[in-house]
Amino acid sequence: MNWWIRFKCFIVGWNPNILKNCTEASYKALKKYASSILILLFIWGATGYTFAQRYLSVEHWWGCAITAVIFMIIVIQIERQVILTVGKNKWISWFRVMLAILMALIGSTILDQIIFKNDVEKVLVDIRADKVNQISAKRQITMQLEITKLNLIIDSLDLINSKLNDEVAKRPTIAVTNVTTEKNPVTNADGSKTTNTKTIVSTQHVANTRIDQIKSNSATIDKCRSRLDDLYNQKINVEDTVRKELEAHAGFLEELKAMIVLVKSEPLAFLFYLLLFTFIFTLELLVVVSKIKDVTCDYDLIVEHQLNVKRDALSDMVKK
C-alpha cells in the first residue's frame, strides 16, 4: 500500500490494515470520500488564510497558514463524523445537513467579501461617511468642553496675575526683620561672673514673594495655551483623523453590512452570492450523499461484522 492511499486513509479515518483485505469497491469509496474532503480542504484552507490575513490582522504568513490548517482540521473532523458512523444514522445526516447550511453561509459570505472587495469598498465610503460624522461630532463636543475649561483656567490665572503685578509694582521688595540674641560673659568688680544678654534687631529687604507665584501662574498659562493649540488643530482635522482610523483596519461586521447593502442593491451580486452558497452547500453534502445513497462497501461491512461479533461475544459473557 503506497503513501498516497495511506494519506487518504488518514484523512477519511479508515484503518489501512482493514482496507488491505477489501475489494476494489472499498478503494473507490475511499477515493470518493477523500476527493470530497480534499475539495473542501482547499476551499476552507484558502478561506481561513484570507480571513486571518484580512480580519484577524495576522501579519506573518505562517500565522495565516496556521489559521488555514485549523480550518482544515475542523473540516476533516466534521466529515469523519459521517464517514466513520457504523451503519445508517439519520440523525447524524440531518445534523450534517444543518451544519452544511451554516458552513456554506459562512464560507460564501467570507469569500464574497473578498471577491467583491472593490465593490464593497465603494459602499463602505458612504457607510464610513455617516460614521465619521457621528464620531467626529462626539469628539468635537469633548474637545470643546476641554477648550472651555482651559479658557476658564487661563482667564482666572490672568486675572490673578494682574492683581499680583499691581501689588508687586507697589511693593517690589518687602522688609524682613531678623531678631538675634547674644549672650556675653561679664566679670563683676567683686570677681563674680554674670551673663549679659544683648538683643540685635536687623532689617533686610528681599524681593516680593508674589513674583514667584506670578512665574508659576505664567508657566501654567503657557501649558494651557499649548494644549489649546493642540486641541484647535485636532478639532480642525478631526474628520480626517477619524476617517484614517476607520480605514486603518478592515472590520468584518463593517464589511458584512456593506456586503448586505451591495447584495440588496445589485441583483448580479445577489445572484453570484446565491451561486457560491449553492456551490459550497453542495460540496458540503457530497460525503453525506455518498454515505447514504451508495451501496455499502465491504470495508463498512467488515467494520459492522466486527462490531456484531464483539457485541454477541459480550452478550454471551453477560448471560453466563
C-alpha atoms as a PDB file:
ATOM      1  CA  MET A   1       0.000   0.000   0.000  1.00  0.00           C
ATOM      2  CA  ASN A   2       1.576   3.285  -1.146  1.00  0.00           C
ATOM      3  CA  TRP A   3       1.786   6.525   0.828  1.00  0.00           C
ATOM      4  CA  TRP A   4      -0.997   8.235  -1.117  1.00  0.00           C
ATOM      5  CA  ILE A   5      -3.533   5.600  -0.122  1.00  0.00           C
ATOM      6  CA  ARG A   6      -2.333   5.795   3.473  1.00  0.00           C
ATOM      7  CA  PHE A   7      -2.712   9.582   3.350  1.00  0.00           C
ATOM      8  CA  LYS A   8      -6.279   9.249   2.097  1.00  0.00           C
ATOM      9  CA  CYS A   9      -6.966   6.742   4.844  1.00  0.00           C
ATOM     10  CA  PHE A  10      -5.673   9.267   7.359  1.00  0.00           C
ATOM     11  CA  ILE A  11      -7.969  11.993   6.013  1.00  0.00           C
ATOM     12  CA  VAL A  12     -11.013   9.740   5.895  1.00  0.00           C
ATOM     13  CA  GLY A  13     -10.219   7.993   9.157  1.00  0.00           C
ATOM     14  CA  TRP A  14     -10.070   4.459   7.802  1.00  0.00           C
ATOM     15  CA  ASN A  15      -7.745   1.742   9.051  1.00  0.00           C
ATOM     16  CA  PRO A  16      -5.232   0.781   6.299  1.00  0.00           C
ATOM     17  CA  ASN A  17      -4.848  -2.723   7.751  1.00  0.00           C
ATOM     18  CA  ILE A  18      -8.559  -3.411   7.260  1.00  0.00           C
ATOM     19  CA  LEU A  19      -8.507  -1.838   3.800  1.00  0.00           C
ATOM     20  CA  LYS A  20      -5.820  -4.323   2.673  1.00  0.00           C
ATOM     21  CA  ASN A  21      -8.340  -7.144   2.825  1.00  0.00           C
ATOM     22  CA  CYS A  22     -11.061  -5.238   0.951  1.00  0.00           C
ATOM     23  CA  THR A  23     -12.086  -5.252  -2.691  1.00  0.00           C
ATOM     24  CA  GLU A  24     -11.834  -2.521  -5.306  1.00  0.00           C
ATOM     25  CA  ALA A  25     -15.234  -1.175  -4.216  1.00  0.00           C
ATOM     26  CA  SER A  26     -13.757  -0.023  -0.910  1.00  0.00           C
ATOM     27  CA  TYR A  27     -10.833   1.633  -2.704  1.00  0.00           C
ATOM     28  CA  LYS A  28     -13.287   3.507  -4.919  1.00  0.00           C
ATOM     29  CA  ALA A  29     -15.281   4.591  -1.886  1.00  0.00           C
ATOM     30  CA  LEU A  30     -12.058   5.796  -0.288  1.00  0.00           C
ATOM     31  CA  LYS A  31     -11.251   7.836  -3.397  1.00  0.00           C
ATOM     32  CA  LYS A  32     -14.713   9.427  -3.385  1.00  0.00           C
ATOM     33  CA  TYR A  33     -14.578  10.336   0.281  1.00  0.00           C
ATOM     34  CA  ALA A  34     -11.008  11.630   0.047  1.00  0.00           C
ATOM     35  CA  SER A  35     -11.744  13.652  -3.103  1.00  0.00           C
ATOM     36  CA  SER A  36     -14.744  15.321  -1.490  1.00  0.00           C
ATOM     37  CA  ILE A  37     -12.779  16.158   1.638  1.00  0.00           C
ATOM     38  CA  LEU A  38      -9.764  17.458  -0.337  1.00  0.00           C
ATOM     39  CA  ILE A  39     -12.000  19.834  -2.292  1.00  0.00           C
ATOM     40  CA  LEU A  40     -13.384  21.189   0.973  1.00  0.00           C
ATOM     41  CA  LEU A  41      -9.867  21.431   2.427  1.00  0.00           C
ATOM     42  CA  PHE A  42      -8.703  23.594  -0.478  1.00  0.00           C
ATOM     43  CA  ILE A  43     -11.728  25.899  -0.151  1.00  0.00           C
ATOM     44  CA  TRP A  44     -11.628  26.229   3.633  1.00  0.00           C
ATOM     45  CA  GLY A  45      -7.841  26.449   3.720  1.00  0.00           C
ATOM     46  CA  ALA A  46      -7.937  29.437   1.368  1.00  0.00           C
ATOM     47  CA  THR A  47     -10.859  30.901   3.328  1.00  0.00           C
ATOM     48  CA  GLY A  48      -9.020  30.540   6.635  1.00  0.00           C
ATOM     49  CA  TYR A  49      -5.825  32.056   5.233  1.00  0.00           C
ATOM     50  CA  THR A  50      -7.545  35.125   3.778  1.00  0.00           C
ATOM     51  CA  PHE A  51      -9.783  35.514   6.837  1.00  0.00           C
ATOM     52  CA  ALA A  52      -6.763  35.597   9.169  1.00  0.00           C
ATOM     53  CA  GLN A  53      -4.869  37.978   6.892  1.00  0.00           C
ATOM     54  CA  ARG A  54      -7.720  40.416   6.370  1.00  0.00           C
ATOM     55  CA  TYR A  55      -9.822  40.351   9.534  1.00  0.00           C
ATOM     56  CA  LEU A  56      -7.620  38.897  12.301  1.00  0.00           C
ATOM     57  CA  SER A  57      -4.732  41.270  11.440  1.00  0.00           C
ATOM     58  CA  VAL A  58      -2.222  38.412  11.361  1.00  0.00           C
ATOM     59  CA  GLU A  59       0.967  39.977   9.989  1.00  0.00           C
ATOM     60  CA  HIS A  60       3.100  36.897   9.234  1.00  0.00           C
ATOM     61  CA  TRP A  61       2.289  34.370   6.543  1.00  0.00           C
ATOM     62  CA  TRP A  62       2.910  31.464   8.882  1.00  0.00           C
ATOM     63  CA  GLY A  63       0.245  32.814  11.245  1.00  0.00           C
ATOM     64  CA  CYS A  64      -2.242  32.815   8.376  1.00  0.00           C
ATOM     65  CA  ALA A  65      -1.088  29.314   7.417  1.00  0.00           C
ATOM     66  CA  ILE A  66      -1.717  28.066  10.972  1.00  0.00           C
ATOM     67  CA  THR A  67      -5.233  29.506  10.833  1.00  0.00           C
ATOM     68  CA  ALA A  68      -5.795  27.776   7.489  1.00  0.00           C
ATOM     69  CA  VAL A  69      -4.609  24.460   8.952  1.00  0.00           C
ATOM     70  CA  ILE A  70      -7.027  24.879  11.880  1.00  0.00           C
ATOM     71  CA  PHE A  71      -9.892  25.404   9.442  1.00  0.00           C
ATOM     72  CA  MET A  72      -8.838  22.300   7.501  1.00  0.00           C
ATOM     73  CA  ILE A  73      -8.585  20.153  10.647  1.00  0.00           C
ATOM     74  CA  ILE A  74     -12.109  21.218  11.633  1.00  0.00           C
ATOM     75  CA  VAL A  75     -13.404  20.175   8.203  1.00  0.00           C
ATOM     76  CA  ILE A  76     -11.709  16.766   8.464  1.00  0.00           C
ATOM     77  CA  GLN A  77     -13.151  16.133  11.915  1.00  0.00           C
ATOM     78  CA  ILE A  78     -16.643  17.118  10.776  1.00  0.00           C
ATOM     79  CA  GLU A  79     -16.565  14.822   7.737  1.00  0.00           C
ATOM     80  CA  ARG A  80     -15.283  11.931   9.833  1.00  0.00           C
ATOM     81  CA  GLN A  81     -18.429  12.163  11.937  1.00  0.00           C
ATOM     82  CA  VAL A  82     -20.381  10.998   8.892  1.00  0.00           C
ATOM     83  CA  ILE A  83     -17.868   8.652   7.300  1.00  0.00           C
ATOM     84  CA  LEU A  84     -16.979   6.744  10.466  1.00  0.00           C
ATOM     85  CA  THR A  85     -20.583   6.234  11.516  1.00  0.00           C
ATOM     86  CA  VAL A  86     -21.212   2.482  11.621  1.00  0.00           C
ATOM     87  CA  GLY A  87     -24.381   1.652   9.733  1.00  0.00           C
ATOM     88  CA  LYS A  88     -27.060   4.194   8.825  1.00  0.00           C
ATOM     89  CA  ASN A  89     -27.703   7.096  11.163  1.00  0.00           C
ATOM     90  CA  LYS A  90     -30.335   9.586  10.030  1.00  0.00           C
ATOM     91  CA  TRP A  91     -29.696  11.925  12.948  1.00  0.00           C
ATOM     92  CA  ILE A  92     -26.056  12.453  12.047  1.00  0.00           C
ATOM     93  CA  SER A  93     -27.101  13.008   8.420  1.00  0.00           C
ATOM     94  CA  TRP A  94     -29.657  15.684   9.316  1.00  0.00           C
ATOM     95  CA  PHE A  95     -27.192  17.264  11.668  1.00  0.00           C
ATOM     96  CA  ARG A  96     -24.619  17.372   8.852  1.00  0.00           C
ATOM     97  CA  VAL A  97     -27.159  18.993   6.526  1.00  0.00           C
ATOM     98  CA  MET A  98     -27.824  21.748   9.069  1.00  0.00           C
ATOM     99  CA  LEU A  99     -24.103  22.181   9.595  1.00  0.00           C
ATOM    100  CA  ALA A 100     -23.602  22.309   5.812  1.00  0.00           C
ATOM    101  CA  ILE A 101     -26.069  25.201   5.569  1.00  0.00           C
ATOM    102  CA  LEU A 102     -24.207  27.150   8.268  1.00  0.00           C
ATOM    103  CA  MET A 103     -20.778  26.413   6.786  1.00  0.00           C
ATOM    104  CA  ALA A 104     -21.945  27.359   3.284  1.00  0.00           C
ATOM    105  CA  LEU A 105     -23.404  30.574   4.640  1.00  0.00           C
ATOM    106  CA  ILE A 106     -20.191  31.477   6.487  1.00  0.00           C
ATOM    107  CA  GLY A 107     -17.889  30.415   3.654  1.00  0.00           C
ATOM    108  CA  SER A 108     -19.811  32.165   0.891  1.00  0.00           C
ATOM    109  CA  THR A 109     -20.047  35.343   2.984  1.00  0.00           C
ATOM    110  CA  ILE A 110     -16.293  35.477   3.638  1.00  0.00           C
ATOM    111  CA  LEU A 111     -15.387  34.626   0.035  1.00  0.00           C
ATOM    112  CA  ASP A 112     -17.888  37.137  -1.374  1.00  0.00           C
ATOM    113  CA  GLN A 113     -16.453  39.917   0.779  1.00  0.00           C
ATOM    114  CA  ILE A 114     -13.023  39.090  -0.648  1.00  0.00           C
ATOM    115  CA  ILE A 115     -14.192  38.638  -4.253  1.00  0.00           C
ATOM    116  CA  PHE A 116     -16.284  41.837  -4.195  1.00  0.00           C
ATOM    117  CA  LYS A 117     -13.590  43.745  -2.314  1.00  0.00           C
ATOM    118  CA  ASN A 118     -13.538  46.740  -4.677  1.00  0.00           C
ATOM    119  CA  ASP A 119     -17.329  46.957  -4.823  1.00  0.00           C
ATOM    120  CA  VAL A 120     -17.566  46.664  -1.045  1.00  0.00           C
ATOM    121  CA  GLU A 121     -15.034  49.486  -0.660  1.00  0.00           C
ATOM    122  CA  LYS A 122     -17.306  51.773  -2.704  1.00  0.00           C
ATOM    123  CA  VAL A 123     -20.250  51.017  -0.444  1.00  0.00           C
ATOM    124  CA  LEU A 124     -18.026  51.485   2.621  1.00  0.00           C
ATOM    125  CA  VAL A 125     -17.293  55.062   1.534  1.00  0.00           C
ATOM    126  CA  ASP A 126     -20.913  56.043   2.172  1.00  0.00           C
ATOM    127  CA  ILE A 127     -21.215  53.956   5.343  1.00  0.00           C
ATOM    128  CA  ARG A 128     -17.984  55.359   6.759  1.00  0.00           C
ATOM    129  CA  ALA A 129     -19.010  58.897   5.852  1.00  0.00           C
ATOM    130  CA  ASP A 130     -22.021  58.646   8.182  1.00  0.00           C
ATOM    131  CA  LYS A 131     -19.909  57.006  10.881  1.00  0.00           C
ATOM    132  CA  VAL A 132     -17.214  59.685  10.518  1.00  0.00           C
ATOM    133  CA  ASN A 133     -19.826  62.400  11.052  1.00  0.00           C
ATOM    134  CA  GLN A 134     -21.169  60.691  14.188  1.00  0.00           C
ATOM    135  CA  ILE A 135     -17.765  60.051  15.776  1.00  0.00           C
ATOM    136  CA  SER A 136     -16.426  63.478  14.785  1.00  0.00           C
ATOM    137  CA  ALA A 137     -19.426  65.232  16.374  1.00  0.00           C
ATOM    138  CA  LYS A 138     -18.869  63.375  19.676  1.00  0.00           C
ATOM    139  CA  ARG A 139     -15.145  64.136  19.697  1.00  0.00           C
ATOM    140  CA  GLN A 140     -15.736  67.796  18.906  1.00  0.00           C
ATOM    141  CA  ILE A 141     -18.114  68.069  21.864  1.00  0.00           C
ATOM    142  CA  THR A 142     -15.482  66.526  24.146  1.00  0.00           C
ATOM    143  CA  MET A 143     -12.778  68.811  22.759  1.00  0.00           C
ATOM    144  CA  GLN A 144     -14.985  71.895  23.134  1.00  0.00           C
ATOM    145  CA  LEU A 145     -15.618  71.064  26.798  1.00  0.00           C
ATOM    146  CA  GLU A 146     -11.870  70.833  27.408  1.00  0.00           C
ATOM    147  CA  ILE A 147     -11.260  74.057  25.470  1.00  0.00           C
ATOM    148  CA  THR A 148     -13.860  75.876  27.584  1.00  0.00           C
ATOM    149  CA  LYS A 149     -12.276  74.535  30.773  1.00  0.00           C
ATOM    150  CA  LEU A 150      -8.775  75.625  29.704  1.00  0.00           C
ATOM    151  CA  ASN A 151     -10.005  79.109  28.740  1.00  0.00           C
ATOM    152  CA  LEU A 152     -11.566  79.487  32.179  1.00  0.00           C
ATOM    153  CA  ILE A 153      -8.280  78.474  33.824  1.00  0.00           C
ATOM    154  CA  ILE A 154      -6.299  80.902  31.651  1.00  0.00           C
ATOM    155  CA  ASP A 155      -8.702  83.799  32.324  1.00  0.00           C
ATOM    156  CA  SER A 156      -8.665  83.081  36.042  1.00  0.00           C
ATOM    157  CA  LEU A 157      -4.862  82.958  36.235  1.00  0.00           C
ATOM    158  CA  ASP A 158      -4.553  86.100  34.074  1.00  0.00           C
ATOM    159  CA  LEU A 159      -6.818  87.949  36.490  1.00  0.00           C
ATOM    160  CA  ILE A 160      -4.827  86.727  39.485  1.00  0.00           C
ATOM    161  CA  ASN A 161      -1.519  87.689  37.838  1.00  0.00           C
ATOM    162  CA  SER A 162      -2.884  91.138  37.004  1.00  0.00           C
ATOM    163  CA  LYS A 163      -3.649  91.754  40.675  1.00  0.00           C
ATOM    164  CA  LEU A 164      -0.316  90.311  41.749  1.00  0.00           C
ATOM    165  CA  ASN A 165       1.573  92.506  39.247  1.00  0.00           C
ATOM    166  CA  ASP A 166      -0.141  95.595  40.654  1.00  0.00           C
ATOM    167  CA  GLU A 167       0.851  94.505  44.122  1.00  0.00           C
ATOM    168  CA  VAL A 168       4.447  93.864  43.078  1.00  0.00           C
ATOM    169  CA  ALA A 169       4.596  97.232  41.288  1.00  0.00           C
ATOM    170  CA  LYS A 170       3.659  98.954  44.532  1.00  0.00           C
ATOM    171  CA  ARG A 171       5.919  96.830  46.713  1.00  0.00           C
ATOM    172  CA  PRO A 172       8.730  95.285  44.660  1.00  0.00           C
ATOM    173  CA  THR A 173      10.503  94.380  47.858  1.00  0.00           C
ATOM    174  CA  ILE A 174       9.424  93.547  51.381  1.00  0.00           C
ATOM    175  CA  ALA A 175      11.218  94.159  54.656  1.00  0.00           C
ATOM    176  CA  VAL A 176      12.167  91.093  56.652  1.00  0.00           C
ATOM    177  CA  THR A 177      13.078  91.696  60.312  1.00  0.00           C
ATOM    178  CA  ASN A 178      15.585  89.376  61.985  1.00  0.00           C
ATOM    179  CA  VAL A 179      15.931  89.350  65.769  1.00  0.00           C
ATOM    180  CA  THR A 180      19.018  87.735  67.290  1.00  0.00           C
ATOM    181  CA  THR A 181      20.136  87.450  70.896  1.00  0.00           C
ATOM    182  CA  GLU A 182      23.753  87.456  72.044  1.00  0.00           C
ATOM    183  CA  LYS A 183      24.906  86.326  75.498  1.00  0.00           C
ATOM    184  CA  ASN A 184      28.298  87.643  76.626  1.00  0.00           C
ATOM    185  CA  PRO A 185      30.016  86.676  79.920  1.00  0.00           C
ATOM    186  CA  VAL A 186      30.827  89.685  82.223  1.00  0.00           C
ATOM    187  CA  THR A 187      33.190  89.780  85.242  1.00  0.00           C
ATOM    188  CA  ASN A 188      31.948  91.985  88.055  1.00  0.00           C
ATOM    189  CA  ALA A 189      34.138  94.161  90.317  1.00  0.00           C
ATOM    190  CA  ASP A 190      33.914  91.639  93.136  1.00  0.00           C
ATOM    191  CA  GLY A 191      35.202  88.943  90.814  1.00  0.00           C
ATOM    192  CA  SER A 192      31.861  87.185  90.244  1.00  0.00           C
ATOM    193  CA  LYS A 193      30.776  86.315  86.697  1.00  0.00           C
ATOM    194  CA  THR A 194      27.420  87.004  85.101  1.00  0.00           C
ATOM    195  CA  THR A 195      25.951  86.863  81.622  1.00  0.00           C
ATOM    196  CA  ASN A 196      24.994  89.967  79.709  1.00  0.00           C
ATOM    197  CA  THR A 197      22.152  89.422  77.175  1.00  0.00           C
ATOM    198  CA  LYS A 198      22.043  91.671  74.100  1.00  0.00           C
ATOM    199  CA  THR A 199      19.218  91.716  71.558  1.00  0.00           C
ATOM    200  CA  ILE A 200      20.103  92.730  67.986  1.00  0.00           C
ATOM    201  CA  VAL A 201      17.329  93.695  65.550  1.00  0.00           C
ATOM    202  CA  SER A 202      18.207  93.850  61.811  1.00  0.00           C
ATOM    203  CA  THR A 203      16.039  94.661  58.811  1.00  0.00           C
ATOM    204  CA  GLN A 204      16.641  93.159  55.307  1.00  0.00           C
ATOM    205  CA  HIS A 205      14.821  93.965  52.051  1.00  0.00           C
ATOM    206  CA  VAL A 206      14.078  90.965  49.773  1.00  0.00           C
ATOM    207  CA  ALA A 207      12.122  90.527  46.560  1.00  0.00           C
ATOM    208  CA  ASN A 208       8.366  90.262  46.936  1.00  0.00           C
ATOM    209  CA  THR A 209       7.301  86.586  47.204  1.00  0.00           C
ATOM    210  CA  ARG A 210       4.408  87.298  44.854  1.00  0.00           C
ATOM    211  CA  ILE A 211       6.915  87.316  41.983  1.00  0.00           C
ATOM    212  CA  ASP A 212       7.436  83.519  42.324  1.00  0.00           C
ATOM    213  CA  GLN A 213       3.696  82.983  42.339  1.00  0.00           C
ATOM    214  CA  ILE A 214       3.377  85.055  39.161  1.00  0.00           C
ATOM    215  CA  LYS A 215       6.050  82.915  37.457  1.00  0.00           C
ATOM    216  CA  SER A 216       4.286  79.700  38.485  1.00  0.00           C
ATOM    217  CA  ASN A 217       0.956  81.001  37.196  1.00  0.00           C
ATOM    218  CA  SER A 218       2.588  82.110  33.927  1.00  0.00           C
ATOM    219  CA  ALA A 219       4.086  78.616  33.404  1.00  0.00           C
ATOM    220  CA  THR A 220       0.635  77.062  33.938  1.00  0.00           C
ATOM    221  CA  ILE A 221      -0.873  79.522  31.463  1.00  0.00           C
ATOM    222  CA  ASP A 222       1.750  78.603  28.845  1.00  0.00           C
ATOM    223  CA  LYS A 223       0.954  74.893  29.241  1.00  0.00           C
ATOM    224  CA  CYS A 224      -2.765  75.553  28.910  1.00  0.00           C
ATOM    225  CA  ARG A 225      -2.254  77.649  25.784  1.00  0.00           C
ATOM    226  CA  SER A 226      -0.048  74.941  24.263  1.00  0.00           C
ATOM    227  CA  ARG A 227      -2.789  72.382  24.951  1.00  0.00           C
ATOM    228  CA  LEU A 228      -5.334  74.771  23.427  1.00  0.00           C
ATOM    229  CA  ASP A 229      -3.310  74.971  20.212  1.00  0.00           C
ATOM    230  CA  ASP A 230      -3.235  71.154  20.019  1.00  0.00           C
ATOM    231  CA  LEU A 231      -6.984  70.938  20.619  1.00  0.00           C
ATOM    232  CA  TYR A 232      -7.765  73.544  17.957  1.00  0.00           C
ATOM    233  CA  ASN A 233      -5.616  71.629  15.438  1.00  0.00           C
ATOM    234  CA  GLN A 234      -7.268  68.329  16.396  1.00  0.00           C
ATOM    235  CA  LYS A 235     -10.700  69.917  16.092  1.00  0.00           C
ATOM    236  CA  ILE A 236      -9.926  71.163  12.594  1.00  0.00           C
ATOM    237  CA  ASN A 237      -8.557  67.771  11.432  1.00  0.00           C
ATOM    238  CA  VAL A 238     -10.900  65.545  13.455  1.00  0.00           C
ATOM    239  CA  GLU A 239     -12.760  64.215  10.392  1.00  0.00           C
ATOM    240  CA  ASP A 240      -9.556  63.240   8.586  1.00  0.00           C
ATOM    241  CA  THR A 241      -8.238  61.592  11.756  1.00  0.00           C
ATOM    242  CA  VAL A 242     -11.407  59.535  12.285  1.00  0.00           C
ATOM    243  CA  ARG A 243     -11.515  58.530   8.621  1.00  0.00           C
ATOM    244  CA  LYS A 244      -7.916  57.274   8.746  1.00  0.00           C
ATOM    245  CA  GLU A 245      -8.652  55.331  11.927  1.00  0.00           C
ATOM    246  CA  LEU A 246     -11.648  53.618  10.317  1.00  0.00           C
ATOM    247  CA  GLU A 247      -9.720  52.814   7.139  1.00  0.00           C
ATOM    248  CA  ALA A 248      -6.656  51.524   9.005  1.00  0.00           C
ATOM    249  CA  HIS A 249      -8.244  48.166   9.933  1.00  0.00           C
ATOM    250  CA  ALA A 250     -10.944  46.383   7.977  1.00  0.00           C
ATOM    251  CA  GLY A 251     -13.799  45.314  10.258  1.00  0.00           C
ATOM    252  CA  PHE A 252     -15.613  42.088   9.439  1.00  0.00           C
ATOM    253  CA  LEU A 253     -19.003  43.362  10.625  1.00  0.00           C
ATOM    254  CA  GLU A 254     -18.468  46.663   8.841  1.00  0.00           C
ATOM    255  CA  GLU A 255     -17.738  44.934   5.546  1.00  0.00           C
ATOM    256  CA  LEU A 256     -20.582  42.482   6.179  1.00  0.00           C
ATOM    257  CA  LYS A 257     -23.015  45.408   6.410  1.00  0.00           C
ATOM    258  CA  ALA A 258     -21.582  46.805   3.186  1.00  0.00           C
ATOM    259  CA  MET A 259     -21.930  43.372   1.571  1.00  0.00           C
ATOM    260  CA  ILE A 260     -25.591  43.163   2.593  1.00  0.00           C
ATOM    261  CA  VAL A 261     -26.222  46.615   1.113  1.00  0.00           C
ATOM    262  CA  LEU A 262     -24.448  45.572  -2.104  1.00  0.00           C
ATOM    263  CA  VAL A 263     -26.401  42.312  -2.416  1.00  0.00           C
ATOM    264  CA  LYS A 264     -29.698  44.119  -1.838  1.00  0.00           C
ATOM    265  CA  SER A 265     -28.959  46.855  -4.354  1.00  0.00           C
ATOM    266  CA  GLU A 266     -27.245  44.774  -7.085  1.00  0.00           C
ATOM    267  CA  PRO A 267     -29.167  41.764  -8.500  1.00  0.00           C
ATOM    268  CA  LEU A 268     -25.977  40.376 -10.096  1.00  0.00           C
ATOM    269  CA  ALA A 269     -24.192  40.407  -6.741  1.00  0.00           C
ATOM    270  CA  PHE A 270     -27.128  38.565  -5.145  1.00  0.00           C
ATOM    271  CA  LEU A 271     -27.131  36.010  -7.969  1.00  0.00           C
ATOM    272  CA  PHE A 272     -23.393  35.375  -7.611  1.00  0.00           C
ATOM    273  CA  TYR A 273     -23.742  35.063  -3.832  1.00  0.00           C
ATOM    274  CA  LEU A 274     -26.565  32.556  -4.304  1.00  0.00           C
ATOM    275  CA  LEU A 275     -24.466  30.545  -6.786  1.00  0.00           C
ATOM    276  CA  LEU A 276     -21.462  30.489  -4.456  1.00  0.00           C
ATOM    277  CA  PHE A 277     -23.637  29.491  -1.497  1.00  0.00           C
ATOM    278  CA  THR A 278     -25.214  26.675  -3.501  1.00  0.00           C
ATOM    279  CA  PHE A 279     -21.800  25.505  -4.724  1.00  0.00           C
ATOM    280  CA  ILE A 280     -20.307  25.303  -1.221  1.00  0.00           C
ATOM    281  CA  PHE A 281     -23.502  23.773   0.204  1.00  0.00           C
ATOM    282  CA  THR A 282     -23.465  21.067  -2.468  1.00  0.00           C
ATOM    283  CA  LEU A 283     -19.803  20.282  -1.804  1.00  0.00           C
ATOM    284  CA  GLU A 284     -20.520  20.043   1.918  1.00  0.00           C
ATOM    285  CA  LEU A 285     -23.149  17.376   1.225  1.00  0.00           C
ATOM    286  CA  LEU A 286     -21.062  15.185  -1.097  1.00  0.00           C
ATOM    287  CA  VAL A 287     -19.886  12.912   1.701  1.00  0.00           C
ATOM    288  CA  VAL A 288     -23.363  12.682   3.248  1.00  0.00           C
ATOM    289  CA  VAL A 289     -24.964  11.750  -0.069  1.00  0.00           C
ATOM    290  CA  SER A 290     -22.240   9.195  -0.814  1.00  0.00           C
ATOM    291  CA  LYS A 291     -22.658   7.666   2.643  1.00  0.00           C
ATOM    292  CA  ILE A 292     -26.456   7.432   2.464  1.00  0.00           C
ATOM    293  CA  LYS A 293     -27.172   6.611  -1.177  1.00  0.00           C
ATOM    294  CA  ASP A 294     -24.230   4.406  -2.194  1.00  0.00           C
ATOM    295  CA  VAL A 295     -24.195   0.652  -1.696  1.00  0.00           C
ATOM    296  CA  THR A 296     -22.340  -0.254   1.498  1.00  0.00           C
ATOM    297  CA  CYS A 297     -18.760  -1.210   0.618  1.00  0.00           C
ATOM    298  CA  ASP A 298     -17.044  -4.220   2.110  1.00  0.00           C
ATOM    299  CA  TYR A 299     -14.916  -2.008   4.388  1.00  0.00           C
ATOM    300  CA  ASP A 300     -18.060  -0.852   6.192  1.00  0.00           C
ATOM    301  CA  LEU A 301     -19.372  -4.427   6.164  1.00  0.00           C
ATOM    302  CA  ILE A 302     -16.185  -5.667   7.821  1.00  0.00           C
ATOM    303  CA  VAL A 303     -16.398  -2.970  10.490  1.00  0.00           C
ATOM    304  CA  GLU A 304     -20.066  -3.778  11.092  1.00  0.00           C
ATOM    305  CA  HIS A 305     -19.287  -7.507  11.214  1.00  0.00           C
ATOM    306  CA  GLN A 306     -16.528  -6.930  13.784  1.00  0.00           C
ATOM    307  CA  LEU A 307     -18.931  -4.840  15.829  1.00  0.00           C
ATOM    308  CA  ASN A 308     -21.652  -7.506  15.678  1.00  0.00           C
ATOM    309  CA  VAL A 309     -19.230 -10.300  16.594  1.00  0.00           C
ATOM    310  CA  LYS A 310     -17.927  -8.284  19.552  1.00  0.00           C
ATOM    311  CA  ARG A 311     -21.467  -7.404  20.622  1.00  0.00           C
ATOM    312  CA  ASP A 312     -22.567 -11.059  20.512  1.00  0.00           C
ATOM    313  CA  ALA A 313     -19.489 -12.151  22.455  1.00  0.00           C
ATOM    314  CA  LEU A 314     -20.144  -9.562  25.146  1.00  0.00           C
ATOM    315  CA  SER A 315     -23.814 -10.586  25.313  1.00  0.00           C
ATOM    316  CA  ASP A 316     -22.851 -14.244  25.845  1.00  0.00           C
ATOM    317  CA  MET A 317     -20.433 -13.211  28.595  1.00  0.00           C
ATOM    318  CA  VAL A 318     -23.169 -11.227  30.336  1.00  0.00           C
ATOM    319  CA  LYS A 319     -25.630 -14.168  30.132  1.00  0.00           C
ATOM    320  CA  LYS A 320     -23.095 -16.529  31.665  1.00  0.00           C
END
